[in-house]
């Protein structure tokens, strides 16, 4: 009987240690912000997008997306964040008022629009009377 109790105890302790060992994106930690950044038209993942987390106008952390367009922030302080997504050749995306709570995970998936390199402006002749 004692070997069974010892085996059960070892399994319980081993399982709890394994559950605490994960650190990667999507491992289920409760205070993470995870997500994916994709191209708005092709739906392909975007690599090397700079993702910046701001808490009350203060830069907290910066992460880059991986080959699959994934990013992850772990152990952010609870509060209301602004996330800014930037990549050369694409329009900047800002997500305001993202609430990070203790013991809650959050998924933030973003699509970025390719920047054509110029903005359309109204013609100065448009505002004149002839």
Protein backbone atom coordinates (compact mmCIF):
# COMPACT_ATOMS: atom_id res chain seq x y z
CA UNK A 1 0.00 0.00 0.00
CA UNK A 2 2.81 2.43 0.77
CA UNK A 3 4.38 2.20 -2.72
CA UNK A 4 1.04 3.16 -4.31
CA UNK A 5 0.68 6.21 -2.05
CA UNK A 6 4.27 7.23 -2.79
CA UNK A 7 3.70 6.81 -6.54
CA UNK A 8 0.48 8.87 -6.46
CA UNK A 9 2.20 11.63 -4.48
CA UNK A 10 5.10 11.70 -6.96
CA UNK A 11 2.69 11.93 -9.91
CA UNK A 12 0.78 14.83 -8.35
CA UNK A 13 3.95 16.77 -7.54
CA UNK A 14 5.45 16.06 -10.98
CA UNK A 15 2.30 17.18 -12.74
CA UNK A 16 2.14 20.47 -10.84
CA UNK A 17 5.81 21.19 -11.61
CA UNK A 18 5.28 20.50 -15.33
CA UNK A 19 2.25 22.80 -15.40
CA UNK A 20 4.35 25.67 -14.05
CA UNK A 21 7.31 25.14 -16.42
CA UNK A 22 5.78 26.52 -19.68
CA UNK A 23 6.84 29.99 -20.86
CA UNK A 24 6.04 30.12 -24.59
CA UNK A 25 3.26 31.99 -26.40
CA UNK A 26 -0.06 30.36 -25.84
CA UNK A 27 1.08 28.22 -22.92
CA UNK A 28 -1.96 29.32 -20.94
CA UNK A 29 -0.39 31.69 -18.44
CA UNK A 30 -3.09 33.90 -17.05
CA UNK A 31 -1.37 37.30 -17.23
CA UNK A 32 -0.28 37.08 -20.87
CA UNK A 33 -1.25 39.05 -23.94
CA UNK A 34 -0.76 36.90 -27.03
CA UNK A 35 -1.67 37.43 -30.64
CA UNK A 36 -0.91 37.25 -34.33
CA UNK A 37 -0.27 39.98 -36.90
CA UNK A 38 -1.30 39.29 -40.50
CA UNK A 39 -1.42 41.15 -43.84
CA UNK A 40 -4.95 42.49 -44.36
CA UNK A 41 -5.25 41.33 -47.99
CA UNK A 42 -3.19 38.14 -48.24
CA UNK A 43 -3.88 37.01 -44.63
CA UNK A 44 -0.23 35.87 -44.43
CA UNK A 45 1.63 36.32 -41.12
CA UNK A 46 3.90 39.37 -40.81
CA UNK A 47 7.38 38.88 -39.36
CA UNK A 48 9.33 41.55 -37.42
CA UNK A 49 6.37 43.79 -36.59
CA UNK A 50 7.28 46.00 -33.62
CA UNK A 51 4.61 45.70 -30.92
CA UNK A 52 4.90 48.29 -28.14
CA UNK A 53 2.85 48.20 -24.93
CA UNK A 54 2.21 51.55 -23.21
CA UNK A 55 0.75 51.88 -19.71
CA UNK A 56 -0.37 55.45 -18.93
CA UNK A 57 1.84 56.98 -21.67
CA UNK A 58 4.89 55.05 -20.40
CA UNK A 59 6.53 52.45 -22.64
CA UNK A 60 6.45 49.15 -20.75
CA UNK A 61 7.69 46.58 -23.26
CA UNK A 62 8.51 46.06 -26.94
CA UNK A 63 8.25 42.70 -28.71
CA UNK A 64 8.78 41.62 -32.34
CA UNK A 65 6.59 39.13 -34.15
CA UNK A 66 8.17 35.80 -35.11
CA UNK A 67 8.11 33.94 -38.47
CA UNK A 68 4.46 32.99 -37.91
CA UNK A 69 3.43 36.56 -37.02
CA UNK A 70 3.03 35.67 -33.33
CA UNK A 71 3.89 37.92 -30.39
CA UNK A 72 3.55 37.52 -26.63
CA UNK A 73 3.80 39.75 -23.58
CA UNK A 74 4.03 37.99 -20.26
CA UNK A 75 3.76 39.33 -16.75
CA UNK A 76 2.42 42.77 -17.67
CA UNK A 77 1.25 44.88 -14.75
CA UNK A 78 -2.54 45.10 -14.45
CA UNK A 79 -3.95 48.27 -16.03
CA UNK A 80 -5.25 49.87 -19.22
CA UNK A 81 -2.76 49.61 -22.09
CA UNK A 82 -2.27 51.02 -25.55
CA UNK A 83 -0.62 48.69 -28.07
CA UNK A 84 1.12 50.12 -31.16
CA UNK A 85 1.96 47.88 -34.13
CA UNK A 86 4.57 49.20 -36.59
CA UNK A 87 6.37 47.81 -39.65
CA UNK A 88 8.04 49.57 -42.57
CA UNK A 89 5.74 49.61 -45.60
CA UNK A 90 2.58 49.25 -43.50
CA UNK A 91 0.23 51.70 -41.81
CA UNK A 92 0.64 51.94 -38.04
CA UNK A 93 -2.11 50.26 -36.02
CA UNK A 94 -3.03 51.43 -32.51
CA UNK A 95 -5.28 49.53 -30.10
CA UNK A 96 -6.33 51.70 -27.14
CA UNK A 97 -7.99 50.76 -23.88
CA UNK A 98 -6.87 47.14 -23.69
CA UNK A 99 -7.50 46.08 -20.10
CA UNK A 100 -4.94 43.71 -18.57
CA UNK A 101 -6.19 42.02 -15.41
CA UNK A 102 -4.43 39.74 -12.97
CA UNK A 103 -5.06 36.07 -13.72
CA UNK A 104 -6.66 36.69 -17.13
CA UNK A 105 -5.17 35.93 -20.54
CA UNK A 106 -6.00 38.08 -23.58
CA UNK A 107 -5.78 37.34 -27.33
CA UNK A 108 -5.09 40.33 -29.63
CA UNK A 109 -5.07 39.53 -33.36
CA UNK A 110 -4.24 42.37 -35.77
CA UNK A 111 -4.42 42.88 -39.54
CA UNK A 112 -2.10 45.49 -41.04
CA UNK A 113 -2.74 47.42 -44.27
CA UNK A 114 0.10 47.93 -46.70
CA UNK A 115 1.08 51.60 -47.10
CA UNK A 116 1.20 52.85 -50.69
CA UNK A 117 3.81 55.47 -49.80
CA UNK A 118 1.63 58.48 -50.50
CA UNK A 119 -1.48 60.04 -49.04
CA UNK A 120 -4.22 61.50 -51.17
CA UNK A 121 -4.71 65.18 -50.47
CA UNK A 122 -7.44 67.41 -51.87
CA UNK A 123 -6.36 69.65 -54.72
CA UNK A 124 -5.88 73.32 -53.80
CA UNK A 125 -8.06 74.13 -56.83
CA UNK A 126 -10.89 72.22 -55.24
CA UNK A 127 -11.45 75.01 -52.69
CA UNK A 128 -11.42 77.96 -55.12
CA UNK A 129 -14.42 79.51 -56.80
CA UNK A 130 -14.26 80.09 -60.54
